[in-house]
Amino acid sequence: MSCLITMSQKELHRLEVIQKIRDDRLSVVQAAEQLDLSRSQVHRLLQAYDLYGAAGLVSKKR
């Protein structure tokens, strides 16, 4: 059974960048610069992605 996830443009961009890190095409430092986030926040996004997949990058506020 698949689950449909609704993502904003910002979240889709984050997903693309996180996938590039996992594919070794981008470093955490480069990703932080692209996303205008700290390296710590990028590491948190990576953890969420590793645990929950794309759903881990969706805002919990909605």
Protein backbone atom coordinates (compact mmCIF):
# COMPACT_ATOMS: atom_id res chain seq x y z
CA MET A 1 0.00 0.00 0.00
CA SER A 2 1.48 3.34 -1.02
CA CYS A 3 0.98 6.65 0.69
CA LEU A 4 0.50 9.97 -1.11
CA ILE A 5 2.62 12.82 0.25
CA THR A 6 1.88 16.46 -0.53
CA MET A 7 5.02 18.59 -0.55
CA SER A 8 5.61 22.29 -1.08
CA GLN A 9 8.14 23.53 -3.65
CA LYS A 10 10.57 24.26 -0.81
CA GLU A 11 10.22 20.70 0.52
CA LEU A 12 10.70 19.26 -2.97
CA HIS A 13 13.89 21.28 -3.34
CA ARG A 14 15.10 19.98 0.03
CA LEU A 15 14.37 16.43 -1.10
CA GLU A 16 16.42 16.91 -4.28
CA VAL A 17 19.36 18.29 -2.31
CA ILE A 18 19.19 15.53 0.34
CA GLN A 19 19.13 12.89 -2.39
CA LYS A 20 22.23 14.48 -3.97
CA ILE A 21 24.03 14.16 -0.63
CA ARG A 22 23.07 10.50 -0.38
CA ASP A 23 24.26 9.95 -3.98
CA ASP A 24 27.63 11.55 -3.06
CA ARG A 25 27.09 14.33 -5.59
CA LEU A 26 26.94 17.08 -2.96
CA SER A 27 28.57 17.70 0.42
CA VAL A 28 26.73 18.72 3.58
CA VAL A 29 28.46 22.11 3.46
CA GLN A 30 27.35 22.70 -0.14
CA ALA A 31 23.81 21.57 0.72
CA ALA A 32 23.70 23.93 3.70
CA GLU A 33 24.68 26.81 1.43
CA GLN A 34 22.09 25.88 -1.21
CA LEU A 35 19.30 25.52 1.35
CA ASP A 36 20.43 28.51 3.44
CA LEU A 37 20.59 26.28 6.55
CA SER A 38 23.25 25.38 9.07
CA ARG A 39 25.20 22.14 8.71
CA SER A 40 23.49 20.90 11.88
CA GLN A 41 20.07 21.42 10.35
CA VAL A 42 21.11 19.58 7.19
CA HIS A 43 22.24 16.66 9.36
CA ARG A 44 18.81 16.68 11.06
CA LEU A 45 17.14 16.58 7.64
CA LEU A 46 19.37 13.65 6.66
CA GLN A 47 18.35 11.76 9.81
CA ALA A 48 14.67 12.41 9.13
CA TYR A 49 15.11 11.29 5.51
CA ASP A 50 16.93 8.12 6.58
CA LEU A 51 14.20 7.24 9.11
CA TYR A 52 11.04 8.24 7.23
CA GLY A 53 12.04 8.83 3.62
CA ALA A 54 10.57 11.82 1.81
CA ALA A 55 7.81 12.05 4.43
CA GLY A 56 10.46 13.00 6.98
CA LEU A 57 11.07 16.28 5.14
CA VAL A 58 7.44 17.42 5.22
CA SER A 59 6.61 20.17 7.71
CA LYS A 60 5.05 18.87 10.92
CA LYS A 61 3.10 22.13 11.30
CA ARG A 62 0.40 21.06 8.86
